[in-house]
Amino acid sequence: MRIGELSRATGVPVRLLRYYEQQELLTAHRTPGGHREYEADAPVQVGRIRALLAAGLTSRTIRELMPCWEGGRLHPCVRDRLTAQLAELNTRIGELSTARDALADLTARVAEVA
């Protein structure tokens, strides 16, 4: 499957597919003419990449997790890694919530002066 076909099959722009390849998340072979050629399961891999990105994982973490798929699921050995990532995300959400409340308070005080 060529890059344009993969783009159409997944809805992911060609430029982004090249980025995934650059980040070593997706692998392509080159034809004798120099065109990228992807394996038949590339749309599934792109779907996995998109799901992991949507979960807030970095490219580096995704690269480490890509070999951990068994069938359509992540291997249980990555549970601790994902749990740690979830805890970090919850911490960030708490910090953002605190910042939002502080900003709302400042905004209310500005409105009182005006």
C-alpha atoms as a PDB file:
ATOM      1  CA  MET A   1       0.000   0.000   0.000  1.00  0.00           C
ATOM      2  CA  ARG A   2       1.416   3.398  -0.972  1.00  0.00           C
ATOM      3  CA  ILE A   3       1.295   6.466   1.230  1.00  0.00           C
ATOM      4  CA  GLY A   4      -1.623   8.085  -0.636  1.00  0.00           C
ATOM      5  CA  GLU A   5      -3.673   4.912  -0.287  1.00  0.00           C
ATOM      6  CA  LEU A   6      -2.856   4.724   3.418  1.00  0.00           C
ATOM      7  CA  SER A   7      -3.846   8.349   3.829  1.00  0.00           C
ATOM      8  CA  ARG A   8      -7.203   7.742   2.138  1.00  0.00           C
ATOM      9  CA  ALA A   9      -7.794   4.528   4.107  1.00  0.00           C
ATOM     10  CA  THR A  10      -7.108   6.158   7.474  1.00  0.00           C
ATOM     11  CA  GLY A  11      -8.070   9.797   6.936  1.00  0.00           C
ATOM     12  CA  VAL A  12      -4.605  10.795   8.165  1.00  0.00           C
ATOM     13  CA  PRO A  13      -2.784  13.365   6.011  1.00  0.00           C
ATOM     14  CA  VAL A  14       0.284  12.190   4.096  1.00  0.00           C
ATOM     15  CA  ARG A  15       2.448  14.700   5.962  1.00  0.00           C
ATOM     16  CA  LEU A  16       1.409  13.185   9.293  1.00  0.00           C
ATOM     17  CA  LEU A  17       2.118   9.660   8.042  1.00  0.00           C
ATOM     18  CA  ARG A  18       5.630  10.806   7.118  1.00  0.00           C
ATOM     19  CA  TYR A  19       5.977  12.254  10.617  1.00  0.00           C
ATOM     20  CA  TYR A  20       4.934   8.919  12.152  1.00  0.00           C
ATOM     21  CA  GLU A  21       7.585   7.244  10.048  1.00  0.00           C
ATOM     22  CA  GLN A  22      10.183   9.815  11.111  1.00  0.00           C
ATOM     23  CA  GLN A  23       9.259   9.157  14.755  1.00  0.00           C
ATOM     24  CA  GLU A  24       9.674   5.402  14.124  1.00  0.00           C
ATOM     25  CA  LEU A  25       6.023   4.705  14.861  1.00  0.00           C
ATOM     26  CA  LEU A  26       5.298   3.416  11.379  1.00  0.00           C
ATOM     27  CA  THR A  27       7.557   1.549   8.984  1.00  0.00           C
ATOM     28  CA  ALA A  28       7.620   1.772   5.204  1.00  0.00           C
ATOM     29  CA  HIS A  29       9.746  -0.031   2.682  1.00  0.00           C
ATOM     30  CA  ARG A  30      10.965   1.703  -0.450  1.00  0.00           C
ATOM     31  CA  THR A  31      10.115   0.463  -3.913  1.00  0.00           C
ATOM     32  CA  PRO A  32      12.865   0.445  -6.562  1.00  0.00           C
ATOM     33  CA  GLY A  33      11.358   3.745  -7.709  1.00  0.00           C
ATOM     34  CA  GLY A  34      11.781   5.222  -4.216  1.00  0.00           C
ATOM     35  CA  HIS A  35       8.096   5.228  -3.259  1.00  0.00           C
ATOM     36  CA  ARG A  36       6.994   4.331   0.259  1.00  0.00           C
ATOM     37  CA  GLU A  37       5.269   0.975   0.483  1.00  0.00           C
ATOM     38  CA  TYR A  38       3.407  -0.017   3.658  1.00  0.00           C
ATOM     39  CA  GLU A  39       2.351  -3.455   4.840  1.00  0.00           C
ATOM     40  CA  ALA A  40      -1.314  -4.459   4.594  1.00  0.00           C
ATOM     41  CA  ASP A  41      -1.787  -3.944   8.359  1.00  0.00           C
ATOM     42  CA  ALA A  42      -0.600  -0.305   8.215  1.00  0.00           C
ATOM     43  CA  PRO A  43      -4.154   1.100   8.625  1.00  0.00           C
ATOM     44  CA  VAL A  44      -4.474  -0.884  11.863  1.00  0.00           C
ATOM     45  CA  GLN A  45      -1.111   0.446  13.052  1.00  0.00           C
ATOM     46  CA  VAL A  46      -2.129   4.013  12.231  1.00  0.00           C
ATOM     47  CA  GLY A  47      -5.347   3.483  14.204  1.00  0.00           C
ATOM     48  CA  ARG A  48      -3.318   2.313  17.186  1.00  0.00           C
ATOM     49  CA  ILE A  49      -1.006   5.312  16.917  1.00  0.00           C
ATOM     50  CA  ARG A  50      -3.987   7.667  16.778  1.00  0.00           C
ATOM     51  CA  ALA A  51      -5.620   6.006  19.796  1.00  0.00           C
ATOM     52  CA  LEU A  52      -2.428   6.264  21.848  1.00  0.00           C
ATOM     53  CA  LEU A  53      -1.895   9.889  20.820  1.00  0.00           C
ATOM     54  CA  ALA A  54      -5.498  10.669  21.785  1.00  0.00           C
ATOM     55  CA  ALA A  55      -4.714   9.202  25.203  1.00  0.00           C
ATOM     56  CA  GLY A  56      -1.989  11.823  25.609  1.00  0.00           C
ATOM     57  CA  LEU A  57       0.990   9.534  25.151  1.00  0.00           C
ATOM     58  CA  THR A  58       4.180  10.903  23.650  1.00  0.00           C
ATOM     59  CA  SER A  59       5.711   9.599  20.436  1.00  0.00           C
ATOM     60  CA  ARG A  60       8.521   8.099  22.484  1.00  0.00           C
ATOM     61  CA  THR A  61       6.117   6.186  24.724  1.00  0.00           C
ATOM     62  CA  ILE A  62       4.081   5.045  21.729  1.00  0.00           C
ATOM     63  CA  ARG A  63       7.230   3.784  20.014  1.00  0.00           C
ATOM     64  CA  GLU A  64       7.967   1.699  23.113  1.00  0.00           C
ATOM     65  CA  LEU A  65       4.391   0.361  23.296  1.00  0.00           C
ATOM     66  CA  MET A  66       3.889  -0.514  19.612  1.00  0.00           C
ATOM     67  CA  PRO A  67       5.534  -3.965  19.935  1.00  0.00           C
ATOM     68  CA  CYS A  68       3.274  -4.742  22.931  1.00  0.00           C
ATOM     69  CA  TRP A  69       0.108  -5.382  20.905  1.00  0.00           C
ATOM     70  CA  GLU A  70      -1.327  -8.876  20.952  1.00  0.00           C
ATOM     71  CA  GLY A  71      -4.083  -9.137  18.427  1.00  0.00           C
ATOM     72  CA  GLY A  72      -6.216  -6.068  18.949  1.00  0.00           C
ATOM     73  CA  ARG A  73      -5.157  -5.382  22.539  1.00  0.00           C
ATOM     74  CA  LEU A  74      -2.172  -4.104  24.455  1.00  0.00           C
ATOM     75  CA  HIS A  75      -0.327  -6.776  26.416  1.00  0.00           C
ATOM     76  CA  PRO A  76      -1.084  -6.710  30.175  1.00  0.00           C
ATOM     77  CA  CYS A  77       2.607  -6.043  30.915  1.00  0.00           C
ATOM     78  CA  VAL A  78       2.084  -2.372  29.939  1.00  0.00           C
ATOM     79  CA  ARG A  79      -0.631  -1.809  32.542  1.00  0.00           C
ATOM     80  CA  ASP A  80       1.776  -0.275  35.076  1.00  0.00           C
ATOM     81  CA  ARG A  81       3.151   2.092  32.451  1.00  0.00           C
ATOM     82  CA  LEU A  82      -0.331   3.204  31.436  1.00  0.00           C
ATOM     83  CA  THR A  83      -1.428   3.518  35.065  1.00  0.00           C
ATOM     84  CA  ALA A  84       1.539   5.806  35.757  1.00  0.00           C
ATOM     85  CA  GLN A  85       0.647   7.869  32.694  1.00  0.00           C
ATOM     86  CA  LEU A  86      -2.943   8.138  33.938  1.00  0.00           C
ATOM     87  CA  ALA A  87      -1.766   9.286  37.383  1.00  0.00           C
ATOM     88  CA  GLU A  88       0.417  11.945  35.746  1.00  0.00           C
ATOM     89  CA  LEU A  89      -2.491  13.125  33.635  1.00  0.00           C
ATOM     90  CA  ASN A  90      -4.746  13.326  36.708  1.00  0.00           C
ATOM     91  CA  THR A  91      -2.097  15.447  38.447  1.00  0.00           C
ATOM     92  CA  ARG A  92      -1.949  17.799  35.466  1.00  0.00           C
ATOM     93  CA  ILE A  93      -5.748  18.040  35.394  1.00  0.00           C
ATOM     94  CA  GLY A  94      -5.724  18.989  39.069  1.00  0.00           C
ATOM     95  CA  GLU A  95      -3.104  21.657  38.442  1.00  0.00           C
ATOM     96  CA  LEU A  96      -5.062  23.040  35.500  1.00  0.00           C
ATOM     97  CA  SER A  97      -8.248  23.079  37.574  1.00  0.00           C
ATOM     98  CA  THR A  98      -6.476  25.073  40.282  1.00  0.00           C
ATOM     99  CA  ALA A  99      -5.141  27.499  37.673  1.00  0.00           C
ATOM    100  CA  ARG A 100      -8.611  27.849  36.132  1.00  0.00           C
ATOM    101  CA  ASP A 101     -10.128  28.664  39.520  1.00  0.00           C
ATOM    102  CA  ALA A 102      -7.419  31.246  40.237  1.00  0.00           C
ATOM    103  CA  LEU A 103      -7.950  32.851  36.824  1.00  0.00           C
ATOM    104  CA  ALA A 104     -11.724  32.925  37.316  1.00  0.00           C
ATOM    105  CA  ASP A 105     -11.187  34.633  40.684  1.00  0.00           C
ATOM    106  CA  LEU A 106      -8.876  37.230  39.112  1.00  0.00           C
ATOM    107  CA  THR A 107     -11.349  37.824  36.306  1.00  0.00           C
ATOM    108  CA  ALA A 108     -14.170  38.359  38.793  1.00  0.00           C
ATOM    109  CA  ARG A 109     -12.087  40.878  40.731  1.00  0.00           C
ATOM    110  CA  VAL A 110     -11.265  42.804  37.560  1.00  0.00           C
ATOM    111  CA  ALA A 111     -14.981  42.953  36.707  1.00  0.00           C
ATOM    112  CA  GLU A 112     -15.722  44.371  40.168  1.00  0.00           C
ATOM    113  CA  VAL A 113     -13.296  47.274  39.681  1.00  0.00           C
ATOM    114  CA  ALA A 114     -14.584  48.239  36.254  1.00  0.00           C
END
